[in-house]
């Protein structure tokens, strides 16, 4: 096996969260290229990606078409059930309250995100409710992990989108 392949396997084995979060950043770029808000998400269970989502709420008449909800919907379709018990939701940006509640109702056990809401305009997140505080108040706990190292790229994607699309408007 070539050294480069061995190094890649070691990287994936040692840092699977980083690889899946990197995929959400690629999805965010794809979303922006398609005219949507630059956000991407995926649902993972037992090492398999069950669904991916782009943010479509700016380009469709569906205000709930956030990347996280789209990924959850795709995973539910793929599995044939709305219960994604034990799955992990990876999101480029910190999920909003609606996306957290969608993850909760789907049975998702963990959320991993790469850029927190404090990095963006308040208009991108309705209200000042903390994701962590809200998650602790739920009947079933969802583990929420912020993974550093992705903020700069994600913030740049949002800034580029704002220049081309204008800021988020209600």
Protein backbone atom coordinates (compact mmCIF):
# COMPACT_ATOMS: atom_id res chain seq x y z
CA UNK A 1 0.00 0.00 0.00
CA UNK A 2 1.42 3.42 -0.93
CA UNK A 3 2.32 5.74 1.96
CA UNK A 4 -0.25 8.33 0.85
CA UNK A 5 -3.06 5.75 1.00
CA UNK A 6 -1.90 4.56 4.41
CA UNK A 7 -1.89 8.15 5.70
CA UNK A 8 -5.41 8.74 4.33
CA UNK A 9 -6.74 5.61 6.04
CA UNK A 10 -5.13 6.67 9.33
CA UNK A 11 -6.61 10.17 9.02
CA UNK A 12 -10.11 8.86 8.37
CA UNK A 13 -9.85 6.35 11.20
CA UNK A 14 -8.52 8.88 13.69
CA UNK A 15 -10.73 11.84 12.81
CA UNK A 16 -14.03 10.70 11.32
CA UNK A 17 -15.90 13.77 12.61
CA UNK A 18 -13.56 16.08 10.71
CA UNK A 19 -14.09 14.16 7.48
CA UNK A 20 -17.87 14.24 7.74
CA UNK A 21 -17.87 17.90 8.76
CA UNK A 22 -15.59 18.67 5.80
CA UNK A 23 -18.23 17.03 3.59
CA UNK A 24 -20.87 19.43 4.99
CA UNK A 25 -18.65 22.39 4.07
CA UNK A 26 -18.47 21.04 0.50
CA UNK A 27 -22.27 20.72 0.53
CA UNK A 28 -22.53 24.32 1.79
CA UNK A 29 -20.47 25.51 -1.19
CA UNK A 30 -22.72 23.49 -3.51
CA UNK A 31 -25.78 25.05 -1.91
CA UNK A 32 -24.42 28.57 -2.45
CA UNK A 33 -23.57 27.77 -6.08
CA UNK A 34 -27.18 26.67 -6.59
CA UNK A 35 -28.47 29.96 -5.15
CA UNK A 36 -29.25 28.66 -1.67
CA UNK A 37 -27.85 29.80 1.65
CA UNK A 38 -24.38 28.27 2.14
CA UNK A 39 -25.20 25.49 4.55
CA UNK A 40 -24.84 21.74 4.23
CA UNK A 41 -25.66 18.80 6.46
CA UNK A 42 -25.60 15.03 6.54
CA UNK A 43 -26.98 12.23 8.70
CA UNK A 44 -24.67 9.37 9.62
CA UNK A 45 -25.56 6.05 11.27
CA UNK A 46 -23.19 3.14 11.84
CA UNK A 47 -20.59 4.72 9.56
CA UNK A 48 -22.97 5.13 6.62
CA UNK A 49 -24.24 8.43 5.26
CA UNK A 50 -28.03 8.07 5.18
CA UNK A 51 -28.87 11.50 3.81
CA UNK A 52 -27.37 14.80 2.76
CA UNK A 53 -28.98 18.20 2.55
CA UNK A 54 -28.45 21.62 1.06
CA UNK A 55 -30.18 24.77 2.25
CA UNK A 56 -33.08 25.33 -0.16
CA UNK A 57 -35.30 27.72 1.79
CA UNK A 58 -34.07 30.71 -0.26
CA UNK A 59 -34.76 29.01 -3.61
CA UNK A 60 -37.95 27.09 -2.85
CA UNK A 61 -41.28 28.09 -1.33
CA UNK A 62 -40.46 25.95 1.73
CA UNK A 63 -39.26 27.92 4.77
CA UNK A 64 -38.34 24.65 6.52
CA UNK A 65 -35.92 23.55 3.78
CA UNK A 66 -32.81 24.10 5.88
CA UNK A 67 -29.86 21.81 5.14
CA UNK A 68 -30.32 19.87 8.38
CA UNK A 69 -34.02 19.22 7.76
CA UNK A 70 -33.27 18.21 4.16
CA UNK A 71 -30.62 15.74 5.37
CA UNK A 72 -33.04 14.29 7.94
CA UNK A 73 -35.76 13.98 5.28
CA UNK A 74 -33.36 12.21 2.88
CA UNK A 75 -32.25 9.81 5.63
CA UNK A 76 -35.86 9.05 6.53
CA UNK A 77 -36.69 8.30 2.90
CA UNK A 78 -33.62 6.07 2.54
CA UNK A 79 -34.39 4.09 5.69
CA UNK A 80 -38.17 4.09 5.28
CA UNK A 81 -38.69 5.42 8.79
CA UNK A 82 -38.83 8.78 10.51
CA UNK A 83 -36.96 7.36 13.51
CA UNK A 84 -33.22 7.71 13.02
CA UNK A 85 -32.33 6.44 16.48
CA UNK A 86 -28.68 6.84 17.38
CA UNK A 87 -27.74 8.78 14.23
CA UNK A 88 -25.42 11.78 14.15
CA UNK A 89 -26.33 15.00 12.34
CA UNK A 90 -23.32 16.88 10.94
CA UNK A 91 -23.92 20.51 10.00
CA UNK A 92 -21.56 23.15 8.63
CA UNK A 93 -23.30 25.82 10.73
CA UNK A 94 -24.77 25.60 14.20
CA UNK A 95 -28.33 24.35 13.70
CA UNK A 96 -31.20 26.70 14.45
CA UNK A 97 -33.95 25.83 16.92
CA UNK A 98 -36.18 24.33 14.20
CA UNK A 99 -33.37 22.04 13.04
CA UNK A 100 -32.59 20.99 16.62
CA UNK A 101 -36.25 20.09 17.15
CA UNK A 102 -36.32 18.16 13.86
CA UNK A 103 -33.28 16.19 14.99
CA UNK A 104 -34.96 15.54 18.34
CA UNK A 105 -38.16 14.21 16.75
CA UNK A 106 -36.12 12.00 14.40
CA UNK A 107 -34.29 10.40 17.34
CA UNK A 108 -30.88 11.76 16.43
CA UNK A 109 -28.44 11.23 19.29
CA UNK A 110 -25.71 13.72 18.42
CA UNK A 111 -25.14 16.95 16.49
CA UNK A 112 -21.70 18.08 15.31
CA UNK A 113 -21.24 21.55 13.79
CA UNK A 114 -18.35 23.64 12.52
CA UNK A 115 -19.27 27.32 12.92
CA UNK A 116 -21.28 28.82 15.76
CA UNK A 117 -24.11 31.29 15.38
CA UNK A 118 -22.11 34.07 17.06
CA UNK A 119 -20.03 34.26 13.87
CA UNK A 120 -23.04 35.37 11.81
CA UNK A 121 -25.67 38.09 11.67
CA UNK A 122 -28.46 37.70 14.24
CA UNK A 123 -31.01 37.58 11.39
CA UNK A 124 -29.69 34.12 10.46
CA UNK A 125 -30.87 32.77 13.82
CA UNK A 126 -34.27 33.76 15.14
CA UNK A 127 -34.06 34.75 18.77
CA UNK A 128 -31.20 34.42 21.19
CA UNK A 129 -32.00 30.91 22.38
CA UNK A 130 -28.90 28.83 23.05
CA UNK A 131 -28.75 25.48 21.28
CA UNK A 132 -27.09 23.83 24.27
CA UNK A 133 -29.61 25.19 26.81
CA UNK A 134 -32.54 24.15 24.63
CA UNK A 135 -31.08 20.69 24.08
CA UNK A 136 -30.69 20.20 27.85
CA UNK A 137 -34.36 21.07 28.36
CA UNK A 138 -35.59 18.28 26.07
CA UNK A 139 -36.94 15.02 27.51
CA UNK A 140 -34.26 13.09 25.65
CA UNK A 141 -30.76 14.51 25.56
CA UNK A 142 -28.91 15.20 22.33
CA UNK A 143 -25.14 15.47 22.56
CA UNK A 144 -23.97 18.65 20.82
CA UNK A 145 -20.35 19.00 19.72
CA UNK A 146 -18.69 22.04 18.21
CA UNK A 147 -15.68 21.01 16.13
CA UNK A 148 -13.14 23.83 15.65
CA UNK A 149 -11.09 24.32 12.53
CA UNK A 150 -13.89 24.95 10.03
CA UNK A 151 -15.04 28.45 11.01
CA UNK A 152 -12.85 30.42 8.64
CA UNK A 153 -13.96 28.53 5.52
CA UNK A 154 -17.63 28.59 6.51
CA UNK A 155 -17.61 32.30 7.40
CA UNK A 156 -15.92 33.01 4.05
CA UNK A 157 -18.64 31.05 2.21
CA UNK A 158 -21.36 33.07 3.96
CA UNK A 159 -19.59 36.38 3.28
CA UNK A 160 -19.16 35.51 -0.41
CA UNK A 161 -22.82 34.50 -0.60
CA UNK A 162 -23.87 37.79 1.01
CA UNK A 163 -21.89 39.75 -1.57
CA UNK A 164 -23.52 37.88 -4.42
CA UNK A 165 -27.04 37.33 -3.05
CA UNK A 166 -27.48 40.15 -0.59
CA UNK A 167 -28.10 39.57 3.07
CA UNK A 168 -30.76 37.25 4.38
CA UNK A 169 -34.15 38.91 4.24
CA UNK A 170 -37.37 37.78 5.85
